[in-house]
């Protein structure tokens, strides 16, 4: 148990917030026991990984359980590597470890902050790859029964920064580990950003990894130095007709065709076009190098971040008619709340 009850070190925004109690749990059994104890006391429960994608807008009037289930195992078949990782493992360290073992295919997801257990919730993605492209299954603990269950990737309802873990399973299941399936025949994904500059004929997994890390370090602030949660907003998905209108008016607008014919638009570009890089509100600010990132300048409150997000979203909507939706999870006094209820 953490005696200080301070949550500042457990959220990458480094916001001042408190909980009634904070526990470290290294097993599914302990998570279940702590959850049951809290429910008996009629206290809300928040299960956290690395706290890299949460925004505390109030003190949390309940029990915080830090999921620290560890362990990584790898097995191989003729054509694939199968990797199992506990939910408490650091995501980037897992990617780096696999690379060092000669297990390739996850390099595009390097340097994404947070723990392994958070990856399926958001269906994390970067540089042309999402977790769903690598995920074989997700192991969960059913908090209503205390029994383990395994969901195959197709059962997780993965979408853009979305999954079943944000809906039906949000309050009833906790992720304890995930299984990845990586082909031994490596094929680089070089469609996004500086990766497009690499030669697909000669590129190595290490070069992809290095390029992704260098790009992220240049554009994104280090949470250990400047409080932030990485990309704050989702890239909006719009209709092809709306995208064509936008392209005619702004030929330089980055757009990405989706499988269903809709178009993903770069939220950072939209914010930048509104001249909002560096814009400050209270103790919060839009990052000067990457407009998609909101930062804690050192003394921000959760509501400073919320009010800044609201201003950014409404400014973009007034100019482009496109509503930005937060990717970050908003945590109120009694648990997670819908961020759109705060910024509309």
C-alpha atoms as a PDB file:
ATOM      1  CA  UNK A   1       0.000   0.000   0.000  1.00  0.00           C
ATOM      2  CA  UNK A   2       1.189   3.518  -0.772  1.00  0.00           C
ATOM      3  CA  UNK A   3       0.936   5.490   2.456  1.00  0.00           C
ATOM      4  CA  UNK A   4       1.027   8.968   0.879  1.00  0.00           C
ATOM      5  CA  UNK A   5      -2.099   8.307  -1.219  1.00  0.00           C
ATOM      6  CA  UNK A   6      -0.677  10.770  -3.745  1.00  0.00           C
ATOM      7  CA  UNK A   7      -1.291   9.931  -7.399  1.00  0.00           C
ATOM      8  CA  UNK A   8       1.198  12.393  -8.911  1.00  0.00           C
ATOM      9  CA  UNK A   9       3.856   9.727  -9.535  1.00  0.00           C
ATOM     10  CA  UNK A  10       1.275   7.364 -11.032  1.00  0.00           C
ATOM     11  CA  UNK A  11       0.032   9.610 -13.856  1.00  0.00           C
ATOM     12  CA  UNK A  12       2.231  10.892 -16.670  1.00  0.00           C
ATOM     13  CA  UNK A  13       0.573  14.325 -16.568  1.00  0.00           C
ATOM     14  CA  UNK A  14       2.131  14.598 -13.068  1.00  0.00           C
ATOM     15  CA  UNK A  15      -1.093  16.124 -11.782  1.00  0.00           C
ATOM     16  CA  UNK A  16      -1.711  16.550  -8.083  1.00  0.00           C
ATOM     17  CA  UNK A  17      -4.481  14.151  -7.096  1.00  0.00           C
ATOM     18  CA  UNK A  18      -5.191  11.804  -4.217  1.00  0.00           C
ATOM     19  CA  UNK A  19      -6.971   8.510  -3.646  1.00  0.00           C
ATOM     20  CA  UNK A  20      -8.387   6.928  -0.514  1.00  0.00           C
ATOM     21  CA  UNK A  21      -5.863   4.107  -0.894  1.00  0.00           C
ATOM     22  CA  UNK A  22      -3.315   2.855  -3.433  1.00  0.00           C
ATOM     23  CA  UNK A  23      -2.150  -0.760  -3.764  1.00  0.00           C
ATOM     24  CA  UNK A  24       0.428  -2.580  -5.890  1.00  0.00           C
ATOM     25  CA  UNK A  25      -0.805  -5.948  -7.181  1.00  0.00           C
ATOM     26  CA  UNK A  26       1.508  -8.485  -8.778  1.00  0.00           C
ATOM     27  CA  UNK A  27      -1.067 -11.199  -9.393  1.00  0.00           C
ATOM     28  CA  UNK A  28      -4.608 -11.606 -10.660  1.00  0.00           C
ATOM     29  CA  UNK A  29      -5.551 -13.162  -7.332  1.00  0.00           C
ATOM     30  CA  UNK A  30      -4.456 -10.078  -5.400  1.00  0.00           C
ATOM     31  CA  UNK A  31      -6.237  -7.738  -7.820  1.00  0.00           C
ATOM     32  CA  UNK A  32      -9.441  -9.720  -7.306  1.00  0.00           C
ATOM     33  CA  UNK A  33      -9.044  -9.714  -3.517  1.00  0.00           C
ATOM     34  CA  UNK A  34      -8.455  -5.950  -3.422  1.00  0.00           C
ATOM     35  CA  UNK A  35     -11.360  -5.348  -5.786  1.00  0.00           C
ATOM     36  CA  UNK A  36     -13.711  -7.445  -3.637  1.00  0.00           C
ATOM     37  CA  UNK A  37     -12.571  -5.689  -0.458  1.00  0.00           C
ATOM     38  CA  UNK A  38     -13.242  -2.294  -2.011  1.00  0.00           C
ATOM     39  CA  UNK A  39     -16.663  -3.324  -3.279  1.00  0.00           C
ATOM     40  CA  UNK A  40     -17.616  -4.578   0.191  1.00  0.00           C
ATOM     41  CA  UNK A  41     -16.826  -1.071   1.432  1.00  0.00           C
ATOM     42  CA  UNK A  42     -18.861   0.333  -1.474  1.00  0.00           C
ATOM     43  CA  UNK A  43     -15.805   2.195  -2.755  1.00  0.00           C
ATOM     44  CA  UNK A  44     -15.125   2.839  -6.446  1.00  0.00           C
ATOM     45  CA  UNK A  45     -12.084   1.049  -7.892  1.00  0.00           C
ATOM     46  CA  UNK A  46      -9.627   2.270 -10.527  1.00  0.00           C
ATOM     47  CA  UNK A  47      -7.141  -0.218 -11.969  1.00  0.00           C
ATOM     48  CA  UNK A  48      -4.106   1.538 -13.442  1.00  0.00           C
ATOM     49  CA  UNK A  49      -1.116   0.440 -15.484  1.00  0.00           C
ATOM     50  CA  UNK A  50       1.502   3.111 -16.099  1.00  0.00           C
ATOM     51  CA  UNK A  51      -0.973   5.990 -15.845  1.00  0.00           C
ATOM     52  CA  UNK A  52       0.218   7.258 -19.222  1.00  0.00           C
ATOM     53  CA  UNK A  53      -3.217   7.795 -20.723  1.00  0.00           C
ATOM     54  CA  UNK A  54      -5.284   9.162 -17.840  1.00  0.00           C
ATOM     55  CA  UNK A  55      -6.282  12.640 -16.766  1.00  0.00           C
ATOM     56  CA  UNK A  56      -7.295  13.081 -13.128  1.00  0.00           C
ATOM     57  CA  UNK A  57      -9.743  15.967 -13.004  1.00  0.00           C
ATOM     58  CA  UNK A  58     -10.540  15.451  -9.299  1.00  0.00           C
ATOM     59  CA  UNK A  59      -9.241  13.512  -6.324  1.00  0.00           C
ATOM     60  CA  UNK A  60     -10.369   9.887  -6.688  1.00  0.00           C
ATOM     61  CA  UNK A  61     -12.735   8.935  -3.894  1.00  0.00           C
ATOM     62  CA  UNK A  62     -11.857   5.254  -3.939  1.00  0.00           C
ATOM     63  CA  UNK A  63      -9.209   2.539  -4.258  1.00  0.00           C
ATOM     64  CA  UNK A  64      -6.481   2.593  -6.921  1.00  0.00           C
ATOM     65  CA  UNK A  65      -4.963  -0.781  -7.813  1.00  0.00           C
ATOM     66  CA  UNK A  66      -1.689  -0.661  -9.759  1.00  0.00           C
ATOM     67  CA  UNK A  67      -1.564  -3.701 -12.053  1.00  0.00           C
ATOM     68  CA  UNK A  68       1.999  -5.062 -11.828  1.00  0.00           C
ATOM     69  CA  UNK A  69       1.551  -8.580 -13.185  1.00  0.00           C
ATOM     70  CA  UNK A  70       4.922  -9.350 -14.732  1.00  0.00           C
ATOM     71  CA  UNK A  71       6.509 -12.008 -16.931  1.00  0.00           C
ATOM     72  CA  UNK A  72       7.319 -12.548 -20.607  1.00  0.00           C
ATOM     73  CA  UNK A  73       7.565 -15.890 -22.398  1.00  0.00           C
ATOM     74  CA  UNK A  74       8.245 -16.664 -26.056  1.00  0.00           C
ATOM     75  CA  UNK A  75       7.590 -19.815 -28.049  1.00  0.00           C
ATOM     76  CA  UNK A  76       8.074 -20.499 -31.722  1.00  0.00           C
ATOM     77  CA  UNK A  77       6.504 -22.409 -34.544  1.00  0.00           C
ATOM     78  CA  UNK A  78       7.769 -22.857 -38.070  1.00  0.00           C
ATOM     79  CA  UNK A  79       6.481 -19.494 -39.310  1.00  0.00           C
ATOM     80  CA  UNK A  80       5.629 -17.471 -36.197  1.00  0.00           C
ATOM     81  CA  UNK A  81       6.842 -16.286 -32.836  1.00  0.00           C
ATOM     82  CA  UNK A  82       4.277 -16.343 -30.027  1.00  0.00           C
ATOM     83  CA  UNK A  83       4.901 -13.887 -27.200  1.00  0.00           C
ATOM     84  CA  UNK A  84       3.049 -13.739 -23.898  1.00  0.00           C
ATOM     85  CA  UNK A  85       3.504 -10.637 -21.717  1.00  0.00           C
ATOM     86  CA  UNK A  86       2.046  -9.834 -18.310  1.00  0.00           C
ATOM     87  CA  UNK A  87      -0.088  -6.708 -18.068  1.00  0.00           C
ATOM     88  CA  UNK A  88       2.387  -4.926 -15.784  1.00  0.00           C
ATOM     89  CA  UNK A  89       5.320  -5.123 -18.175  1.00  0.00           C
ATOM     90  CA  UNK A  90       6.563  -1.855 -19.681  1.00  0.00           C
ATOM     91  CA  UNK A  91       5.435  -1.726 -23.328  1.00  0.00           C
ATOM     92  CA  UNK A  92       8.540  -0.105 -24.825  1.00  0.00           C
ATOM     93  CA  UNK A  93      10.899  -2.373 -22.900  1.00  0.00           C
ATOM     94  CA  UNK A  94       8.986  -5.366 -24.282  1.00  0.00           C
ATOM     95  CA  UNK A  95       9.411  -4.110 -27.867  1.00  0.00           C
ATOM     96  CA  UNK A  96      13.121  -3.464 -27.294  1.00  0.00           C
ATOM     97  CA  UNK A  97      13.615  -6.892 -25.731  1.00  0.00           C
ATOM     98  CA  UNK A  98      11.908  -8.645 -28.644  1.00  0.00           C
ATOM     99  CA  UNK A  99      14.070  -6.735 -31.124  1.00  0.00           C
ATOM    100  CA  UNK A 100      17.208  -7.813 -29.268  1.00  0.00           C
ATOM    101  CA  UNK A 101      16.033 -11.429 -29.444  1.00  0.00           C
ATOM    102  CA  UNK A 102      15.541 -11.234 -33.198  1.00  0.00           C
ATOM    103  CA  UNK A 103      11.742 -11.192 -32.924  1.00  0.00           C
ATOM    104  CA  UNK A 104      10.524  -8.515 -35.312  1.00  0.00           C
ATOM    105  CA  UNK A 105       7.302  -6.838 -36.382  1.00  0.00           C
ATOM    106  CA  UNK A 106       6.449  -4.529 -33.466  1.00  0.00           C
ATOM    107  CA  UNK A 107       9.115  -1.857 -34.072  1.00  0.00           C
ATOM    108  CA  UNK A 108       6.603   0.747 -35.291  1.00  0.00           C
ATOM    109  CA  UNK A 109       5.037   0.716 -31.816  1.00  0.00           C
ATOM    110  CA  UNK A 110       8.292   1.556 -30.026  1.00  0.00           C
ATOM    111  CA  UNK A 111       8.454   4.247 -27.336  1.00  0.00           C
ATOM    112  CA  UNK A 112       4.698   4.310 -26.735  1.00  0.00           C
ATOM    113  CA  UNK A 113       4.482   4.956 -22.992  1.00  0.00           C
ATOM    114  CA  UNK A 114       2.574   2.759 -20.584  1.00  0.00           C
ATOM    115  CA  UNK A 115       2.165  -0.866 -19.625  1.00  0.00           C
ATOM    116  CA  UNK A 116       1.259  -3.891 -21.731  1.00  0.00           C
ATOM    117  CA  UNK A 117      -2.187  -4.194 -20.147  1.00  0.00           C
ATOM    118  CA  UNK A 118      -3.213  -0.783 -21.419  1.00  0.00           C
ATOM    119  CA  UNK A 119      -2.351  -1.576 -25.039  1.00  0.00           C
ATOM    120  CA  UNK A 120      -5.538  -3.516 -25.892  1.00  0.00           C
ATOM    121  CA  UNK A 121      -7.841  -1.004 -24.192  1.00  0.00           C
ATOM    122  CA  UNK A 122      -6.795   1.753 -26.578  1.00  0.00           C
ATOM    123  CA  UNK A 123      -5.757  -0.554 -29.410  1.00  0.00           C
ATOM    124  CA  UNK A 124      -2.560   1.498 -29.415  1.00  0.00           C
ATOM    125  CA  UNK A 125      -1.141   2.400 -32.787  1.00  0.00           C
ATOM    126  CA  UNK A 126       1.559   4.403 -34.529  1.00  0.00           C
ATOM    127  CA  UNK A 127       3.293   4.643 -37.895  1.00  0.00           C
ATOM    128  CA  UNK A 128       0.865   2.429 -39.784  1.00  0.00           C
ATOM    129  CA  UNK A 129       0.461  -0.392 -37.230  1.00  0.00           C
ATOM    130  CA  UNK A 130      -2.064  -1.025 -34.457  1.00  0.00           C
ATOM    131  CA  UNK A 131      -1.998  -3.584 -31.683  1.00  0.00           C
ATOM    132  CA  UNK A 132      -4.782  -5.519 -33.445  1.00  0.00           C
ATOM    133  CA  UNK A 133      -2.321  -6.306 -36.247  1.00  0.00           C
ATOM    134  CA  UNK A 134      -0.095  -8.218 -33.797  1.00  0.00           C
ATOM    135  CA  UNK A 135      -2.509  -9.397 -31.121  1.00  0.00           C
ATOM    136  CA  UNK A 136      -3.436 -13.079 -30.924  1.00  0.00           C
ATOM    137  CA  UNK A 137      -5.456 -12.952 -27.690  1.00  0.00           C
ATOM    138  CA  UNK A 138      -6.024 -11.035 -24.461  1.00  0.00           C
ATOM    139  CA  UNK A 139      -6.208 -12.750 -21.073  1.00  0.00           C
ATOM    140  CA  UNK A 140      -8.580 -11.180 -18.572  1.00  0.00           C
ATOM    141  CA  UNK A 141      -9.880 -11.662 -15.073  1.00  0.00           C
ATOM    142  CA  UNK A 142     -13.662 -11.554 -14.721  1.00  0.00           C
ATOM    143  CA  UNK A 143     -14.185  -9.379 -11.647  1.00  0.00           C
ATOM    144  CA  UNK A 144     -17.750 -10.597 -11.205  1.00  0.00           C
ATOM    145  CA  UNK A 145     -16.659 -14.235 -10.764  1.00  0.00           C
ATOM    146  CA  UNK A 146     -12.908 -14.142 -10.086  1.00  0.00           C
ATOM    147  CA  UNK A 147     -12.341 -16.505 -13.023  1.00  0.00           C
ATOM    148  CA  UNK A 148      -9.851 -16.067 -15.873  1.00  0.00           C
ATOM    149  CA  UNK A 149     -11.010 -15.815 -19.472  1.00  0.00           C
ATOM    150  CA  UNK A 150      -9.254 -15.499 -22.818  1.00  0.00           C
ATOM    151  CA  UNK A 151     -10.547 -13.387 -25.693  1.00  0.00           C
ATOM    152  CA  UNK A 152      -9.200 -14.055 -29.159  1.00  0.00           C
ATOM    153  CA  UNK A 153      -8.240 -10.897 -31.040  1.00  0.00           C
ATOM    154  CA  UNK A 154     -11.382 -11.024 -33.184  1.00  0.00           C
ATOM    155  CA  UNK A 155     -13.501 -11.051 -30.013  1.00  0.00           C
ATOM    156  CA  UNK A 156     -11.887  -7.864 -28.668  1.00  0.00           C
ATOM    157  CA  UNK A 157     -13.777  -5.637 -31.123  1.00  0.00           C
ATOM    158  CA  UNK A 158     -10.681  -3.608 -31.883  1.00  0.00           C
ATOM    159  CA  UNK A 159     -11.327  -0.283 -33.599  1.00  0.00           C
ATOM    160  CA  UNK A 160      -9.483   2.998 -33.899  1.00  0.00           C
ATOM    161  CA  UNK A 161      -8.321   3.623 -30.295  1.00  0.00           C
ATOM    162  CA  UNK A 162     -11.203   1.436 -29.224  1.00  0.00           C
ATOM    163  CA  UNK A 163     -12.001  -2.059 -27.995  1.00  0.00           C
ATOM    164  CA  UNK A 164     -14.491  -4.094 -25.986  1.00  0.00           C
ATOM    165  CA  UNK A 165     -12.478  -3.061 -22.917  1.00  0.00           C
ATOM    166  CA  UNK A 166     -13.874   0.458 -23.271  1.00  0.00           C
ATOM    167  CA  UNK A 167     -17.435  -0.819 -23.425  1.00  0.00           C
ATOM    168  CA  UNK A 168     -18.959  -4.075 -22.114  1.00  0.00           C
ATOM    169  CA  UNK A 169     -15.770  -5.128 -20.316  1.00  0.00           C
ATOM    170  CA  UNK A 170     -14.857  -1.717 -18.905  1.00  0.00           C
ATOM    171  CA  UNK A 171     -16.119  -2.328 -15.366  1.00  0.00           C
ATOM    172  CA  UNK A 172     -16.245  -6.127 -15.250  1.00  0.00           C
ATOM    173  CA  UNK A 173     -12.857  -7.329 -16.509  1.00  0.00           C
ATOM    174  CA  UNK A 174      -9.211  -6.507 -15.939  1.00  0.00           C
ATOM    175  CA  UNK A 175      -6.486  -7.407 -18.428  1.00  0.00           C
ATOM    176  CA  UNK A 176      -3.828  -9.700 -16.935  1.00  0.00           C
ATOM    177  CA  UNK A 177      -1.753 -10.434 -20.043  1.00  0.00           C
ATOM    178  CA  UNK A 178      -1.694 -10.438 -23.838  1.00  0.00           C
ATOM    179  CA  UNK A 179      -0.497 -12.774 -26.560  1.00  0.00           C
ATOM    180  CA  UNK A 180       1.272 -11.490 -29.653  1.00  0.00           C
ATOM    181  CA  UNK A 181       1.803 -13.410 -32.905  1.00  0.00           C
ATOM    182  CA  UNK A 182       4.714 -12.174 -35.012  1.00  0.00           C
ATOM    183  CA  UNK A 183       5.667 -13.712 -38.379  1.00  0.00           C
ATOM    184  CA  UNK A 184       9.259 -14.867 -38.794  1.00  0.00           C
ATOM    185  CA  UNK A 185       9.153 -13.530 -42.355  1.00  0.00           C
ATOM    186  CA  UNK A 186       9.580  -9.845 -41.529  1.00  0.00           C
ATOM    187  CA  UNK A 187       7.888  -7.259 -43.746  1.00  0.00           C
ATOM    188  CA  UNK A 188       8.542  -3.578 -42.938  1.00  0.00           C
ATOM    189  CA  UNK A 189       5.695  -1.084 -42.708  1.00  0.00           C
ATOM    190  CA  UNK A 190       7.097   2.196 -44.036  1.00  0.00           C
ATOM    191  CA  UNK A 191       4.065   4.271 -44.991  1.00  0.00           C
ATOM    192  CA  UNK A 192       4.072   6.901 -42.236  1.00  0.00           C
ATOM    193  CA  UNK A 193       6.333   9.851 -41.470  1.00  0.00           C
ATOM    194  CA  UNK A 194      10.095   9.523 -41.761  1.00  0.00           C
ATOM    195  CA  UNK A 195       9.772   5.766 -42.265  1.00  0.00           C
ATOM    196  CA  UNK A 196       8.805   6.523 -45.866  1.00  0.00           C
ATOM    197  CA  UNK A 197      12.376   7.747 -46.401  1.00  0.00           C
ATOM    198  CA  UNK A 198      13.814   4.296 -45.696  1.00  0.00           C
ATOM    199  CA  UNK A 199      14.589   1.874 -48.519  1.00  0.00           C
ATOM    200  CA  UNK A 200      12.219  -1.122 -48.244  1.00  0.00           C
ATOM    201  CA  UNK A 201      14.778  -3.301 -50.035  1.00  0.00           C
ATOM    202  CA  UNK A 202      17.575  -2.773 -47.530  1.00  0.00           C
ATOM    203  CA  UNK A 203      15.940  -1.530 -44.331  1.00  0.00           C
ATOM    204  CA  UNK A 204      16.465  -3.501 -41.120  1.00  0.00           C
ATOM    205  CA  UNK A 205      14.159  -3.844 -38.084  1.00  0.00           C
ATOM    206  CA  UNK A 206      16.729  -1.956 -36.011  1.00  0.00           C
ATOM    207  CA  UNK A 207      16.628   0.972 -38.448  1.00  0.00           C
ATOM    208  CA  UNK A 208      12.830   1.102 -38.227  1.00  0.00           C
ATOM    209  CA  UNK A 209      13.039   0.998 -34.434  1.00  0.00           C
ATOM    210  CA  UNK A 210      15.668   3.760 -34.371  1.00  0.00           C
ATOM    211  CA  UNK A 211      13.705   5.960 -36.768  1.00  0.00           C
ATOM    212  CA  UNK A 212      10.486   5.637 -34.739  1.00  0.00           C
ATOM    213  CA  UNK A 213      12.312   6.377 -31.480  1.00  0.00           C
ATOM    214  CA  UNK A 214      14.150   9.367 -32.920  1.00  0.00           C
ATOM    215  CA  UNK A 215      10.945  10.836 -34.384  1.00  0.00           C
ATOM    216  CA  UNK A 216       9.023  10.408 -31.146  1.00  0.00           C
ATOM    217  CA  UNK A 217      11.846  11.920 -29.089  1.00  0.00           C
ATOM    218  CA  UNK A 218      12.031  14.941 -31.393  1.00  0.00           C
ATOM    219  CA  UNK A 219       8.295  15.624 -31.484  1.00  0.00           C
ATOM    220  CA  UNK A 220       7.016  14.411 -28.126  1.00  0.00           C
ATOM    221  CA  UNK A 221       8.046  15.718 -24.701  1.00  0.00           C
ATOM    222  CA  UNK A 222       9.492  13.269 -22.159  1.00  0.00           C
ATOM    223  CA  UNK A 223       6.810  12.719 -19.461  1.00  0.00           C
ATOM    224  CA  UNK A 224       9.541  12.445 -16.809  1.00  0.00           C
ATOM    225  CA  UNK A 225      10.461  16.059 -17.610  1.00  0.00           C
ATOM    226  CA  UNK A 226       7.203  17.609 -18.831  1.00  0.00           C
ATOM    227  CA  UNK A 227       3.868  16.154 -17.758  1.00  0.00           C
ATOM    228  CA  UNK A 228       1.845  14.886 -20.720  1.00  0.00           C
ATOM    229  CA  UNK A 229      -0.080  11.879 -21.972  1.00  0.00           C
ATOM    230  CA  UNK A 230       1.273  11.805 -25.527  1.00  0.00           C
ATOM    231  CA  UNK A 231      -1.330  12.341 -28.224  1.00  0.00           C
ATOM    232  CA  UNK A 232      -4.277  13.938 -26.460  1.00  0.00           C
ATOM    233  CA  UNK A 233      -6.789  13.767 -29.318  1.00  0.00           C
ATOM    234  CA  UNK A 234      -7.739  11.012 -31.722  1.00  0.00           C
ATOM    235  CA  UNK A 235      -7.178  11.669 -35.395  1.00  0.00           C
ATOM    236  CA  UNK A 236     -10.749  12.297 -36.631  1.00  0.00           C
ATOM    237  CA  UNK A 237     -12.337   9.979 -39.182  1.00  0.00           C
ATOM    238  CA  UNK A 238     -14.453  11.836 -41.744  1.00  0.00           C
ATOM    239  CA  UNK A 239     -16.411  10.965 -44.875  1.00  0.00           C
ATOM    240  CA  UNK A 240     -14.717  10.871 -48.267  1.00  0.00           C
ATOM    241  CA  UNK A 241     -16.863  13.804 -49.411  1.00  0.00           C
ATOM    242  CA  UNK A 242     -15.861  15.914 -46.415  1.00  0.00           C
ATOM    243  CA  UNK A 243     -12.220  14.945 -46.964  1.00  0.00           C
ATOM    244  CA  UNK A 244     -12.370  16.002 -50.607  1.00  0.00           C
ATOM    245  CA  UNK A 245     -13.792  19.404 -49.643  1.00  0.00           C
ATOM    246  CA  UNK A 246     -10.990  19.776 -47.115  1.00  0.00           C
ATOM    247  CA  UNK A 247      -8.350  18.746 -49.676  1.00  0.00           C
ATOM    248  CA  UNK A 248      -9.570  21.284 -52.203  1.00  0.00           C
ATOM    249  CA  UNK A 249      -9.371  24.073 -49.655  1.00  0.00           C
ATOM    250  CA  UNK A 250      -6.176  22.823 -47.946  1.00  0.00           C
ATOM    251  CA  UNK A 251      -4.121  20.681 -50.365  1.00  0.00           C
ATOM    252  CA  UNK A 252      -1.422  20.059 -47.732  1.00  0.00           C
ATOM    253  CA  UNK A 253      -3.801  18.464 -45.206  1.00  0.00           C
ATOM    254  CA  UNK A 254      -2.521  14.946 -44.357  1.00  0.00           C
ATOM    255  CA  UNK A 255      -5.223  12.357 -45.075  1.00  0.00           C
ATOM    256  CA  UNK A 256      -5.209   8.562 -44.792  1.00  0.00           C
ATOM    257  CA  UNK A 257      -7.674   6.278 -46.540  1.00  0.00           C
ATOM    258  CA  UNK A 258      -9.339   3.709 -44.232  1.00  0.00           C
ATOM    259  CA  UNK A 259     -10.510   0.215 -45.130  1.00  0.00           C
ATOM    260  CA  UNK A 260     -14.164   1.286 -45.179  1.00  0.00           C
ATOM    261  CA  UNK A 261     -13.547   4.215 -47.528  1.00  0.00           C
ATOM    262  CA  UNK A 262     -13.612   6.874 -44.825  1.00  0.00           C
ATOM    263  CA  UNK A 263     -10.648   9.206 -44.334  1.00  0.00           C
ATOM    264  CA  UNK A 264      -8.480   9.755 -41.269  1.00  0.00           C
ATOM    265  CA  UNK A 265      -7.266  13.344 -40.899  1.00  0.00           C
ATOM    266  CA  UNK A 266      -4.241  14.430 -38.860  1.00  0.00           C
ATOM    267  CA  UNK A 267      -5.592  16.140 -35.732  1.00  0.00           C
ATOM    268  CA  UNK A 268      -2.220  17.761 -35.056  1.00  0.00           C
ATOM    269  CA  UNK A 269      -2.331  19.448 -38.464  1.00  0.00           C
ATOM    270  CA  UNK A 270      -5.834  20.810 -37.794  1.00  0.00           C
ATOM    271  CA  UNK A 271      -4.741  22.241 -34.436  1.00  0.00           C
ATOM    272  CA  UNK A 272      -1.575  23.700 -35.947  1.00  0.00           C
ATOM    273  CA  UNK A 273      -3.575  25.439 -38.695  1.00  0.00           C
ATOM    274  CA  UNK A 274      -5.498  27.229 -35.957  1.00  0.00           C
ATOM    275  CA  UNK A 275      -2.234  28.698 -34.677  1.00  0.00           C
ATOM    276  CA  UNK A 276      -2.532  26.968 -31.323  1.00  0.00           C
ATOM    277  CA  UNK A 277       1.006  25.629 -30.840  1.00  0.00           C
ATOM    278  CA  UNK A 278       2.250  27.099 -27.573  1.00  0.00           C
ATOM    279  CA  UNK A 279      -1.197  28.361 -26.572  1.00  0.00           C
ATOM    280  CA  UNK A 280      -1.500  28.454 -22.761  1.00  0.00           C
ATOM    281  CA  UNK A 281      -4.487  28.259 -20.448  1.00  0.00           C
ATOM    282  CA  UNK A 282      -3.911  28.207 -16.708  1.00  0.00           C
ATOM    283  CA  UNK A 283      -1.004  25.857 -16.075  1.00  0.00           C
ATOM    284  CA  UNK A 284      -1.595  23.902 -19.290  1.00  0.00           C
ATOM    285  CA  UNK A 285      -0.310  24.473 -22.819  1.00  0.00           C
ATOM    286  CA  UNK A 286      -0.306  23.077 -26.340  1.00  0.00           C
ATOM    287  CA  UNK A 287       3.154  21.663 -27.000  1.00  0.00           C
ATOM    288  CA  UNK A 288       5.264  23.903 -29.246  1.00  0.00           C
ATOM    289  CA  UNK A 289       6.622  21.028 -31.376  1.00  0.00           C
ATOM    290  CA  UNK A 290       3.585  18.757 -31.631  1.00  0.00           C
ATOM    291  CA  UNK A 291       0.150  20.373 -31.490  1.00  0.00           C
ATOM    292  CA  UNK A 292      -1.496  17.028 -30.700  1.00  0.00           C
ATOM    293  CA  UNK A 293       0.124  17.033 -27.254  1.00  0.00           C
ATOM    294  CA  UNK A 294      -1.183  19.005 -24.278  1.00  0.00           C
ATOM    295  CA  UNK A 295       1.302  19.545 -21.451  1.00  0.00           C
ATOM    296  CA  UNK A 296       1.398  20.382 -17.762  1.00  0.00           C
ATOM    297  CA  UNK A 297       3.724  23.364 -17.481  1.00  0.00           C
ATOM    298  CA  UNK A 298       4.402  22.389 -13.884  1.00  0.00           C
ATOM    299  CA  UNK A 299       1.437  23.689 -11.936  1.00  0.00           C
ATOM    300  CA  UNK A 300      -1.594  22.656 -13.999  1.00  0.00           C
ATOM    301  CA  UNK A 301      -4.727  21.205 -12.510  1.00  0.00           C
ATOM    302  CA  UNK A 302      -6.787  18.555 -14.213  1.00  0.00           C
ATOM    303  CA  UNK A 303      -9.372  21.186 -15.060  1.00  0.00           C
ATOM    304  CA  UNK A 304      -6.692  23.363 -16.677  1.00  0.00           C
ATOM    305  CA  UNK A 305      -6.062  20.493 -19.103  1.00  0.00           C
ATOM    306  CA  UNK A 306      -9.802  19.981 -19.620  1.00  0.00           C
ATOM    307  CA  UNK A 307     -10.422  23.657 -20.337  1.00  0.00           C
ATOM    308  CA  UNK A 308      -7.504  23.781 -22.761  1.00  0.00           C
ATOM    309  CA  UNK A 309      -8.792  20.660 -24.536  1.00  0.00           C
ATOM    310  CA  UNK A 310     -12.228  22.253 -24.767  1.00  0.00           C
ATOM    311  CA  UNK A 311     -10.788  25.446 -26.259  1.00  0.00           C
ATOM    312  CA  UNK A 312      -8.677  23.530 -28.794  1.00  0.00           C
ATOM    313  CA  UNK A 313     -11.547  21.266 -29.820  1.00  0.00           C
ATOM    314  CA  UNK A 314     -14.027  24.115 -30.230  1.00  0.00           C
ATOM    315  CA  UNK A 315     -11.519  26.272 -32.131  1.00  0.00           C
ATOM    316  CA  UNK A 316     -10.873  23.438 -34.605  1.00  0.00           C
ATOM    317  CA  UNK A 317     -14.607  22.844 -34.980  1.00  0.00           C
ATOM    318  CA  UNK A 318     -15.309  26.513 -35.735  1.00  0.00           C
ATOM    319  CA  UNK A 319     -12.717  26.535 -38.494  1.00  0.00           C
ATOM    320  CA  UNK A 320     -13.045  23.092 -40.050  1.00  0.00           C
ATOM    321  CA  UNK A 321     -16.388  21.714 -38.870  1.00  0.00           C
ATOM    322  CA  UNK A 322     -14.552  18.710 -37.420  1.00  0.00           C
ATOM    323  CA  UNK A 323     -14.927  17.789 -33.747  1.00  0.00           C
ATOM    324  CA  UNK A 324     -11.829  16.457 -32.008  1.00  0.00           C
ATOM    325  CA  UNK A 325     -12.358  13.687 -29.464  1.00  0.00           C
ATOM    326  CA  UNK A 326      -9.883  13.064 -26.627  1.00  0.00           C
ATOM    327  CA  UNK A 327      -7.902   9.839 -26.721  1.00  0.00           C
ATOM    328  CA  UNK A 328      -6.998  10.271 -23.042  1.00  0.00           C
ATOM    329  CA  UNK A 329      -9.246   8.718 -20.360  1.00  0.00           C
ATOM    330  CA  UNK A 330     -10.801  11.275 -17.981  1.00  0.00           C
ATOM    331  CA  UNK A 331     -10.983  10.157 -14.336  1.00  0.00           C
ATOM    332  CA  UNK A 332     -13.425  11.920 -12.030  1.00  0.00           C
ATOM    333  CA  UNK A 333     -14.161  11.570  -8.329  1.00  0.00           C
ATOM    334  CA  UNK A 334     -15.892   8.201  -8.707  1.00  0.00           C
ATOM    335  CA  UNK A 335     -14.212   6.798 -11.813  1.00  0.00           C
ATOM    336  CA  UNK A 336     -13.934   7.191 -15.564  1.00  0.00           C
ATOM    337  CA  UNK A 337     -16.222   9.689 -17.255  1.00  0.00           C
ATOM    338  CA  UNK A 338     -17.001  10.463 -20.886  1.00  0.00           C
ATOM    339  CA  UNK A 339     -14.472  13.155 -21.963  1.00  0.00           C
ATOM    340  CA  UNK A 340     -16.919  14.570 -24.504  1.00  0.00           C
ATOM    341  CA  UNK A 341     -19.237  15.486 -21.643  1.00  0.00           C
ATOM    342  CA  UNK A 342     -16.464  17.806 -20.420  1.00  0.00           C
ATOM    343  CA  UNK A 343     -15.389  19.491 -23.648  1.00  0.00           C
ATOM    344  CA  UNK A 344     -18.581  19.941 -25.634  1.00  0.00           C
END
